[in-house]
Protein backbone atom coordinates (compact mmCIF):
# COMPACT_ATOMS: atom_id res chain seq x y z
CA MET A 1 -84.15 4.55 -15.65
CA GLY A 2 -80.29 4.48 -15.44
CA ALA A 3 -78.21 1.73 -13.62
CA PRO A 4 -78.18 1.73 -10.02
CA SER A 5 -75.30 3.61 -8.69
CA PRO A 6 -72.31 1.29 -7.39
CA TYR A 7 -71.67 0.29 -3.61
CA ARG A 8 -69.02 2.83 -2.61
CA VAL A 9 -66.29 0.90 -0.59
CA LEU A 10 -63.56 1.53 2.30
CA ILE A 11 -60.86 -1.11 2.51
CA ALA A 12 -59.15 -0.72 6.08
CA ASP A 13 -55.80 -3.36 6.50
CA ASP A 14 -52.58 -2.39 8.04
CA GLU A 15 -51.00 -4.89 5.29
CA PRO A 16 -50.65 -3.26 2.01
CA ALA A 17 -50.56 -6.62 -0.06
CA VAL A 18 -54.16 -7.23 1.49
CA ARG A 19 -55.08 -3.98 0.47
CA SER A 20 -53.84 -4.51 -2.86
CA ALA A 21 -55.81 -7.66 -3.27
CA TYR A 22 -59.03 -6.04 -2.37
CA ARG A 23 -58.14 -2.95 -4.61
CA GLU A 24 -57.73 -5.65 -7.45
CA PHE A 25 -60.62 -7.33 -6.59
CA PHE A 26 -63.17 -4.40 -6.12
CA GLY A 27 -61.50 -2.86 -9.66
CA ALA A 28 -62.70 -6.37 -11.74
CA GLN A 29 -66.26 -5.91 -9.93
CA ARG A 30 -69.07 -4.16 -11.33
CA GLY A 31 -71.51 -2.53 -8.71
CA PHE A 32 -68.41 -1.43 -6.45
CA THR A 33 -66.43 1.42 -6.68
CA LEU A 34 -63.29 1.90 -4.18
CA VAL A 35 -63.32 5.10 -2.28
CA ALA A 36 -60.76 4.96 -0.19
CA GLU A 37 -58.02 2.82 1.66
CA ALA A 38 -57.01 3.24 5.13
CA GLY A 39 -53.77 1.51 6.86
CA THR A 40 -54.95 2.08 10.47
CA GLY A 41 -57.91 2.20 12.59
CA THR A 42 -57.75 6.29 13.10
CA GLU A 43 -57.69 6.67 9.57
CA ALA A 44 -60.28 4.55 8.65
CA VAL A 45 -62.61 6.74 11.17
CA GLU A 46 -61.31 9.88 9.24
CA LEU A 47 -61.52 8.71 5.86
CA TYR A 48 -65.33 7.28 6.60
CA ALA A 49 -66.17 10.80 7.71
CA VAL A 50 -65.00 11.94 4.44
CA HIS A 51 -66.36 9.26 2.16
CA ARG A 52 -69.38 8.34 3.65
CA PRO A 53 -68.93 4.60 2.11
CA ASP A 54 -71.76 1.94 2.01
CA VAL A 55 -69.51 -0.83 2.90
CA VAL A 56 -66.43 -1.17 4.84
CA LEU A 57 -63.84 -3.86 4.89
CA MET A 58 -62.16 -3.49 8.24
CA ASP A 59 -59.23 -5.66 9.30
CA LEU A 60 -60.16 -6.19 13.49
CA GLN A 61 -56.51 -6.27 14.47
CA MET A 62 -54.34 -3.78 13.25
CA PRO A 63 -52.03 -1.55 15.44
CA GLY A 64 -52.80 1.26 17.43
CA MET A 65 -56.56 1.84 17.22
CA SER A 66 -58.20 -1.77 16.50
CA GLY A 67 -60.48 -2.48 13.59
CA ILE A 68 -62.79 -3.41 16.25
CA ASP A 69 -62.44 0.13 18.21
CA ALA A 70 -62.69 2.06 14.97
CA ILE A 71 -66.23 0.48 14.07
CA GLY A 72 -67.28 1.59 17.85
CA CYS A 73 -66.21 5.26 16.25
CA LEU A 74 -68.77 4.77 13.39
CA PRO A 75 -72.00 6.34 13.48
CA THR A 76 -74.43 4.22 15.04
CA SER A 77 -76.77 4.30 11.96
CA TRP A 78 -74.09 2.21 10.33
CA SER A 79 -75.22 -1.58 10.55
CA LEU A 80 -72.38 -4.03 10.98
CA VAL A 81 -73.54 -7.03 9.01
CA GLU A 82 -70.39 -9.22 9.37
CA ALA A 83 -67.02 -9.10 11.00
CA TRP A 84 -63.94 -11.20 10.07
CA GLY A 85 -60.48 -10.99 10.98
CA HIS A 86 -57.47 -12.69 8.99
CA ARG A 87 -53.98 -13.11 10.18
CA SER A 88 -50.93 -12.29 7.99
CA PRO A 89 -48.21 -15.09 7.40
CA SER A 90 -45.60 -13.40 9.95
CA SER A 91 -48.48 -13.14 12.80
CA HIS A 92 -48.70 -17.36 12.18
CA ALA A 93 -45.10 -17.37 13.87
CA SER A 94 -44.69 -18.91 16.89
């Protein structure tokens, strides 16, 4: 019996630095393969259809189609386990 297949991951975040950090993190982890990166919610939905990842890390607040709206476009058989948002340093300005 061979090793189990790695979880296939899609990262969706409009901040290139955040995507880079996740890319580095998953590159160092056993059991995960980064299959796609999206910079918008629309792109995330399109890439999901192409790659059918096991795990989607979705920023909830992106310009254009938000991560929340993008999640609503994913197949209903997909289960949302946990959702969280982050704020970039530039979004903390008053």
